[in-house]
C-alpha atoms as a PDB file:
ATOM      1  CA  UNK A   1      -0.049   0.078   0.055  1.00  0.00           C
ATOM      2  CA  UNK A   2       2.806   2.343   0.862  1.00  0.00           C
ATOM      3  CA  UNK A   3       4.260   1.964  -2.715  1.00  0.00           C
ATOM      4  CA  UNK A   4       0.675   2.477  -4.340  1.00  0.00           C
ATOM      5  CA  UNK A   5       0.457   6.012  -2.358  1.00  0.00           C
ATOM      6  CA  UNK A   6       3.992   7.019  -3.276  1.00  0.00           C
ATOM      7  CA  UNK A   7       2.965   6.780  -6.970  1.00  0.00           C
ATOM      8  CA  UNK A   8      -0.261   8.615  -7.253  1.00  0.00           C
ATOM      9  CA  UNK A   9       1.191  11.880  -9.147  1.00  0.00           C
ATOM     10  CA  UNK A  10      -0.043  13.511 -11.916  1.00  0.00           C
ATOM     11  CA  UNK A  11       2.577  12.254 -13.809  1.00  0.00           C
ATOM     12  CA  UNK A  12       2.315   8.596 -12.881  1.00  0.00           C
ATOM     13  CA  UNK A  13      -1.756   8.838 -13.998  1.00  0.00           C
ATOM     14  CA  UNK A  14      -0.304  10.066 -17.126  1.00  0.00           C
ATOM     15  CA  UNK A  15       2.147   7.417 -17.659  1.00  0.00           C
ATOM     16  CA  UNK A  16      -0.865   4.839 -17.224  1.00  0.00           C
ATOM     17  CA  UNK A  17      -2.417   5.611 -20.163  1.00  0.00           C
ATOM     18  CA  UNK A  18       0.492   4.198 -22.133  1.00  0.00           C
ATOM     19  CA  UNK A  19       1.271   1.296 -19.693  1.00  0.00           C
ATOM     20  CA  UNK A  20      -2.121  -0.332 -19.857  1.00  0.00           C
ATOM     21  CA  UNK A  21      -2.231  -1.361 -23.692  1.00  0.00           C
ATOM     22  CA  UNK A  22       1.565  -2.999 -22.734  1.00  0.00           C
ATOM     23  CA  UNK A  23       0.195  -5.429 -20.080  1.00  0.00           C
ATOM     24  CA  UNK A  24       0.423  -9.072 -21.213  1.00  0.00           C
ATOM     25  CA  UNK A  25       2.843  -8.383 -24.133  1.00  0.00           C
ATOM     26  CA  UNK A  26       6.374  -9.044 -24.464  1.00  0.00           C
ATOM     27  CA  UNK A  27       7.386  -5.757 -23.116  1.00  0.00           C
ATOM     28  CA  UNK A  28       9.344  -5.622 -20.128  1.00  0.00           C
ATOM     29  CA  UNK A  29       9.757  -2.919 -17.526  1.00  0.00           C
ATOM     30  CA  UNK A  30      13.561  -2.902 -18.220  1.00  0.00           C
ATOM     31  CA  UNK A  31      12.881  -2.099 -22.060  1.00  0.00           C
ATOM     32  CA  UNK A  32      11.165   0.855 -21.116  1.00  0.00           C
ATOM     33  CA  UNK A  33      14.148   2.005 -18.601  1.00  0.00           C
ATOM     34  CA  UNK A  34      16.648   0.992 -21.593  1.00  0.00           C
ATOM     35  CA  UNK A  35      14.587   3.012 -24.101  1.00  0.00           C
ATOM     36  CA  UNK A  36      14.719   6.016 -21.466  1.00  0.00           C
ATOM     37  CA  UNK A  37      18.211   6.017 -20.809  1.00  0.00           C
ATOM     38  CA  UNK A  38      18.992   5.892 -24.644  1.00  0.00           C
ATOM     39  CA  UNK A  39      16.325   8.939 -25.280  1.00  0.00           C
ATOM     40  CA  UNK A  40      17.750  10.972 -22.062  1.00  0.00           C
ATOM     41  CA  UNK A  41      21.237  10.441 -23.218  1.00  0.00           C
ATOM     42  CA  UNK A  42      20.449  11.574 -26.474  1.00  0.00           C
ATOM     43  CA  UNK A  43      18.383  14.737 -25.267  1.00  0.00           C
ATOM     44  CA  UNK A  44      21.534  15.453 -22.912  1.00  0.00           C
ATOM     45  CA  UNK A  45      24.025  15.171 -26.048  1.00  0.00           C
ATOM     46  CA  UNK A  46      21.627  17.714 -27.665  1.00  0.00           C
ATOM     47  CA  UNK A  47      22.147  20.332 -25.537  1.00  0.00           C
ATOM     48  CA  UNK A  48      25.955  20.404 -26.007  1.00  0.00           C
ATOM     49  CA  UNK A  49      25.975  22.279 -29.332  1.00  0.00           C
ATOM     50  CA  UNK A  50      24.177  25.331 -27.721  1.00  0.00           C
ATOM     51  CA  UNK A  51      22.160  25.574 -30.883  1.00  0.00           C
ATOM     52  CA  UNK A  52      18.301  26.810 -30.673  1.00  0.00           C
ATOM     53  CA  UNK A  53      17.568  23.728 -33.202  1.00  0.00           C
ATOM     54  CA  UNK A  54      19.513  20.983 -31.357  1.00  0.00           C
ATOM     55  CA  UNK A  55      18.049  22.467 -27.773  1.00  0.00           C
ATOM     56  CA  UNK A  56      14.496  22.389 -29.105  1.00  0.00           C
ATOM     57  CA  UNK A  57      14.945  18.348 -30.177  1.00  0.00           C
ATOM     58  CA  UNK A  58      16.538  17.980 -26.730  1.00  0.00           C
ATOM     59  CA  UNK A  59      13.332  19.376 -24.830  1.00  0.00           C
ATOM     60  CA  UNK A  60      11.409  17.137 -26.985  1.00  0.00           C
ATOM     61  CA  UNK A  61      13.331  13.981 -26.066  1.00  0.00           C
ATOM     62  CA  UNK A  62      13.635  14.943 -22.476  1.00  0.00           C
ATOM     63  CA  UNK A  63       9.492  15.126 -21.926  1.00  0.00           C
ATOM     64  CA  UNK A  64       9.771  11.485 -23.339  1.00  0.00           C
ATOM     65  CA  UNK A  65      12.348  10.223 -21.364  1.00  0.00           C
ATOM     66  CA  UNK A  66      10.454  12.004 -18.183  1.00  0.00           C
ATOM     67  CA  UNK A  67       7.443   9.867 -19.286  1.00  0.00           C
ATOM     68  CA  UNK A  68       9.040   6.605 -19.530  1.00  0.00           C
ATOM     69  CA  UNK A  69      10.932   7.373 -16.225  1.00  0.00           C
ATOM     70  CA  UNK A  70       7.151   6.952 -14.820  1.00  0.00           C
ATOM     71  CA  UNK A  71       5.862   4.464 -17.206  1.00  0.00           C
ATOM     72  CA  UNK A  72       8.340   1.670 -16.401  1.00  0.00           C
ATOM     73  CA  UNK A  73       7.670   1.626 -12.898  1.00  0.00           C
ATOM     74  CA  UNK A  74       3.699   1.735 -13.296  1.00  0.00           C
ATOM     75  CA  UNK A  75       4.314  -1.288 -16.024  1.00  0.00           C
ATOM     76  CA  UNK A  76       5.983  -3.266 -12.904  1.00  0.00           C
ATOM     77  CA  UNK A  77       3.809  -2.501 -10.644  1.00  0.00           C
ATOM     78  CA  UNK A  78       0.422  -2.860 -12.903  1.00  0.00           C
ATOM     79  CA  UNK A  79       1.641  -6.181 -14.378  1.00  0.00           C
ATOM     80  CA  UNK A  80       3.258  -7.721 -11.505  1.00  0.00           C
ATOM     81  CA  UNK A  81       6.454  -7.560 -13.372  1.00  0.00           C
ATOM     82  CA  UNK A  82       8.790  -5.895 -10.340  1.00  0.00           C
ATOM     83  CA  UNK A  83      12.296  -7.172 -10.375  1.00  0.00           C
ATOM     84  CA  UNK A  84      15.678  -6.540  -8.388  1.00  0.00           C
ATOM     85  CA  UNK A  85      17.473  -5.940 -11.815  1.00  0.00           C
ATOM     86  CA  UNK A  86      14.669  -3.195 -12.766  1.00  0.00           C
ATOM     87  CA  UNK A  87      15.069  -1.196  -9.683  1.00  0.00           C
ATOM     88  CA  UNK A  88      18.958  -1.036 -10.075  1.00  0.00           C
ATOM     89  CA  UNK A  89      18.759  -0.512 -14.081  1.00  0.00           C
ATOM     90  CA  UNK A  90      16.192   2.657 -12.672  1.00  0.00           C
ATOM     91  CA  UNK A  91      18.665   3.923 -10.000  1.00  0.00           C
ATOM     92  CA  UNK A  92      21.329   4.053 -12.173  1.00  0.00           C
ATOM     93  CA  UNK A  93      19.183   5.534 -15.139  1.00  0.00           C
ATOM     94  CA  UNK A  94      18.076   8.430 -12.506  1.00  0.00           C
ATOM     95  CA  UNK A  95      21.883   9.043 -11.738  1.00  0.00           C
ATOM     96  CA  UNK A  96      23.106   9.158 -14.667  1.00  0.00           C
ATOM     97  CA  UNK A  97      20.570  11.112 -16.638  1.00  0.00           C
ATOM     98  CA  UNK A  98      19.904  13.803 -14.116  1.00  0.00           C
ATOM     99  CA  UNK A  99      23.631  14.745 -13.518  1.00  0.00           C
ATOM    100  CA  UNK A 100      24.263  14.523 -17.376  1.00  0.00           C
ATOM    101  CA  UNK A 101      21.737  17.059 -18.021  1.00  0.00           C
ATOM    102  CA  UNK A 102      23.258  19.747 -16.140  1.00  0.00           C
ATOM    103  CA  UNK A 103      26.572  18.813 -17.101  1.00  0.00           C
ATOM    104  CA  UNK A 104      25.625  18.955 -20.993  1.00  0.00           C
ATOM    105  CA  UNK A 105      23.714  22.182 -20.263  1.00  0.00           C
ATOM    106  CA  UNK A 106      26.684  23.797 -18.788  1.00  0.00           C
ATOM    107  CA  UNK A 107      28.896  22.583 -22.048  1.00  0.00           C
ATOM    108  CA  UNK A 108      26.316  24.005 -24.336  1.00  0.00           C
ATOM    109  CA  UNK A 109      26.468  27.262 -22.717  1.00  0.00           C
ATOM    110  CA  UNK A 110      30.082  28.056 -22.993  1.00  0.00           C
ATOM    111  CA  UNK A 111      29.836  30.528 -25.800  1.00  0.00           C
ATOM    112  CA  UNK A 112      27.308  32.316 -23.962  1.00  0.00           C
ATOM    113  CA  UNK A 113      27.460  35.380 -21.054  1.00  0.00           C
ATOM    114  CA  UNK A 114      28.730  32.660 -18.846  1.00  0.00           C
ATOM    115  CA  UNK A 115      31.572  31.553 -20.701  1.00  0.00           C
ATOM    116  CA  UNK A 116      33.540  28.812 -19.471  1.00  0.00           C
ATOM    117  CA  UNK A 117      32.381  29.236 -16.156  1.00  0.00           C
ATOM    118  CA  UNK A 118      29.025  27.581 -17.670  1.00  0.00           C
ATOM    119  CA  UNK A 119      31.292  24.442 -17.685  1.00  0.00           C
ATOM    120  CA  UNK A 120      32.296  24.866 -14.132  1.00  0.00           C
ATOM    121  CA  UNK A 121      28.680  25.306 -12.658  1.00  0.00           C
ATOM    122  CA  UNK A 122      27.516  22.385 -14.955  1.00  0.00           C
ATOM    123  CA  UNK A 123      30.263  20.357 -13.344  1.00  0.00           C
ATOM    124  CA  UNK A 124      29.399  21.381  -9.879  1.00  0.00           C
ATOM    125  CA  UNK A 125      25.718  20.531 -10.304  1.00  0.00           C
ATOM    126  CA  UNK A 126      26.208  17.480 -12.015  1.00  0.00           C
ATOM    127  CA  UNK A 127      28.362  16.245  -9.043  1.00  0.00           C
ATOM    128  CA  UNK A 128      25.634  17.400  -6.561  1.00  0.00           C
ATOM    129  CA  UNK A 129      23.149  15.852  -8.497  1.00  0.00           C
ATOM    130  CA  UNK A 130      25.047  12.277  -7.986  1.00  0.00           C
ATOM    131  CA  UNK A 131      25.497  12.780  -4.609  1.00  0.00           C
ATOM    132  CA  UNK A 132      21.767  13.502  -3.989  1.00  0.00           C
ATOM    133  CA  UNK A 133      20.935  10.323  -5.840  1.00  0.00           C
ATOM    134  CA  UNK A 134      23.706   8.241  -3.935  1.00  0.00           C
ATOM    135  CA  UNK A 135      22.849   9.404  -0.598  1.00  0.00           C
ATOM    136  CA  UNK A 136      19.012   9.428  -1.137  1.00  0.00           C
ATOM    137  CA  UNK A 137      18.938   5.831  -1.863  1.00  0.00           C
ATOM    138  CA  UNK A 138      21.560   5.018   1.019  1.00  0.00           C
ATOM    139  CA  UNK A 139      19.177   6.871   3.411  1.00  0.00           C
ATOM    140  CA  UNK A 140      16.178   4.967   2.329  1.00  0.00           C
ATOM    141  CA  UNK A 141      17.915   1.618   2.556  1.00  0.00           C
ATOM    142  CA  UNK A 142      19.177   2.275   6.109  1.00  0.00           C
ATOM    143  CA  UNK A 143      15.564   3.634   7.091  1.00  0.00           C
ATOM    144  CA  UNK A 144      13.871   0.486   5.608  1.00  0.00           C
ATOM    145  CA  UNK A 145      10.683  -0.196   3.743  1.00  0.00           C
ATOM    146  CA  UNK A 146       8.030   2.542   2.938  1.00  0.00           C
ATOM    147  CA  UNK A 147      10.455   5.588   4.174  1.00  0.00           C
ATOM    148  CA  UNK A 148      11.432   7.983   1.156  1.00  0.00           C
ATOM    149  CA  UNK A 149      14.102  10.473   1.433  1.00  0.00           C
ATOM    150  CA  UNK A 150      11.782  13.268  -0.192  1.00  0.00           C
ATOM    151  CA  UNK A 151       8.143  13.159  -0.067  1.00  0.00           C
ATOM    152  CA  UNK A 152       5.623  14.990  -2.530  1.00  0.00           C
ATOM    153  CA  UNK A 153       2.992  17.345  -1.526  1.00  0.00           C
ATOM    154  CA  UNK A 154      -0.660  16.494  -3.049  1.00  0.00           C
ATOM    155  CA  UNK A 155      -0.136  14.843  -6.374  1.00  0.00           C
ATOM    156  CA  UNK A 156       3.107  16.064  -7.141  1.00  0.00           C
ATOM    157  CA  UNK A 157       6.658  14.744  -6.669  1.00  0.00           C
ATOM    158  CA  UNK A 158       9.906  16.609  -6.444  1.00  0.00           C
ATOM    159  CA  UNK A 159      10.981  14.458  -9.477  1.00  0.00           C
ATOM    160  CA  UNK A 160       8.269  16.295 -11.392  1.00  0.00           C
ATOM    161  CA  UNK A 161      10.214  19.403 -11.669  1.00  0.00           C
ATOM    162  CA  UNK A 162      12.247  17.650 -13.968  1.00  0.00           C
ATOM    163  CA  UNK A 163       9.132  17.892 -16.506  1.00  0.00           C
ATOM    164  CA  UNK A 164      10.092  21.575 -16.536  1.00  0.00           C
ATOM    165  CA  UNK A 165      13.285  21.659 -17.717  1.00  0.00           C
ATOM    166  CA  UNK A 166      12.150  21.412 -21.747  1.00  0.00           C
ATOM    167  CA  UNK A 167       9.618  24.236 -20.908  1.00  0.00           C
ATOM    168  CA  UNK A 168      12.615  26.257 -19.492  1.00  0.00           C
ATOM    169  CA  UNK A 169      14.793  25.383 -21.941  1.00  0.00           C
ATOM    170  CA  UNK A 170      12.852  26.342 -25.039  1.00  0.00           C
ATOM    171  CA  UNK A 171      11.997  29.688 -23.241  1.00  0.00           C
ATOM    172  CA  UNK A 172      15.888  30.287 -23.428  1.00  0.00           C
ATOM    173  CA  UNK A 173      16.257  30.036 -19.619  1.00  0.00           C
ATOM    174  CA  UNK A 174      19.000  27.371 -19.709  1.00  0.00           C
ATOM    175  CA  UNK A 175      21.623  29.715 -18.070  1.00  0.00           C
ATOM    176  CA  UNK A 176      19.543  30.970 -15.024  1.00  0.00           C
ATOM    177  CA  UNK A 177      18.572  27.727 -14.308  1.00  0.00           C
ATOM    178  CA  UNK A 178      21.830  26.353 -14.401  1.00  0.00           C
ATOM    179  CA  UNK A 179      23.110  29.098 -12.239  1.00  0.00           C
ATOM    180  CA  UNK A 180      20.164  28.477  -9.645  1.00  0.00           C
ATOM    181  CA  UNK A 181      21.039  24.792  -9.859  1.00  0.00           C
ATOM    182  CA  UNK A 182      24.402  24.945  -9.076  1.00  0.00           C
ATOM    183  CA  UNK A 183      23.594  27.075  -5.803  1.00  0.00           C
ATOM    184  CA  UNK A 184      20.284  24.936  -4.501  1.00  0.00           C
ATOM    185  CA  UNK A 185      21.537  21.351  -5.732  1.00  0.00           C
ATOM    186  CA  UNK A 186      25.250  21.360  -3.340  1.00  0.00           C
ATOM    187  CA  UNK A 187      22.574  22.474  -0.680  1.00  0.00           C
ATOM    188  CA  UNK A 188      20.246  19.742  -1.077  1.00  0.00           C
ATOM    189  CA  UNK A 189      23.005  17.386  -1.238  1.00  0.00           C
ATOM    190  CA  UNK A 190      24.431  18.334   1.967  1.00  0.00           C
ATOM    191  CA  UNK A 191      21.008  18.143   3.323  1.00  0.00           C
ATOM    192  CA  UNK A 192      20.682  14.584   2.246  1.00  0.00           C
ATOM    193  CA  UNK A 193      24.233  13.597   3.463  1.00  0.00           C
ATOM    194  CA  UNK A 194      23.755  14.985   6.990  1.00  0.00           C
ATOM    195  CA  UNK A 195      20.325  13.516   7.314  1.00  0.00           C
ATOM    196  CA  UNK A 196      22.150  10.020   6.257  1.00  0.00           C
ATOM    197  CA  UNK A 197      24.953  10.321   8.588  1.00  0.00           C
ATOM    198  CA  UNK A 198      22.960  11.502  11.600  1.00  0.00           C
ATOM    199  CA  UNK A 199      20.480   8.384  11.149  1.00  0.00           C
ATOM    200  CA  UNK A 200      23.457   6.180  10.697  1.00  0.00           C
ATOM    201  CA  UNK A 201      24.798   7.405  14.041  1.00  0.00           C
ATOM    202  CA  UNK A 202      21.349   7.046  15.900  1.00  0.00           C
ATOM    203  CA  UNK A 203      21.189   3.346  14.305  1.00  0.00           C
ATOM    204  CA  UNK A 204      24.857   2.466  15.534  1.00  0.00           C
ATOM    205  CA  UNK A 205      24.284   3.637  19.148  1.00  0.00           C
ATOM    206  CA  UNK A 206      20.779   1.670  19.514  1.00  0.00           C
END
């Protein structure tokens, strides 16, 4: 029940529209995750040139990537196809794609007003995203079943913010987004690391 309750966002409901016809077919959740990884890497790569056309297509592919991020889990739950390999693949896909987007965005902005500083900001945000994903997973493993590092509000989850990246990209706001992310993401990383260390200390003394 906890697992179901954690997946009642609008994004999950939207993904179910596409998942239902796949139930009972040869398509497995890992197929969707693999497709998501390919499309996500392509979306990130298209940010590197920094041209308007490449950036526009990057946004299209990123939206598909976000939908697939919800779809693979929904297919696993609705089709009773959950597996440990699926969890691992989904976890590493999250880690790689979320971090790569900001790194590639920074590289793509190198010819803009930020100059080479954009690459540094992308690198900082990339590392911070990796730390957020890694320590959130460690925190949840240490906490036990049903405990999540980050909880959503109403029918939204913090991960749903990734759906906004294409819109901000199309509006030409990648630079401000990267600057903000380079400040906010390291703070979030520090918060989850502190929470993890504090939890580990409490458990070691009990």
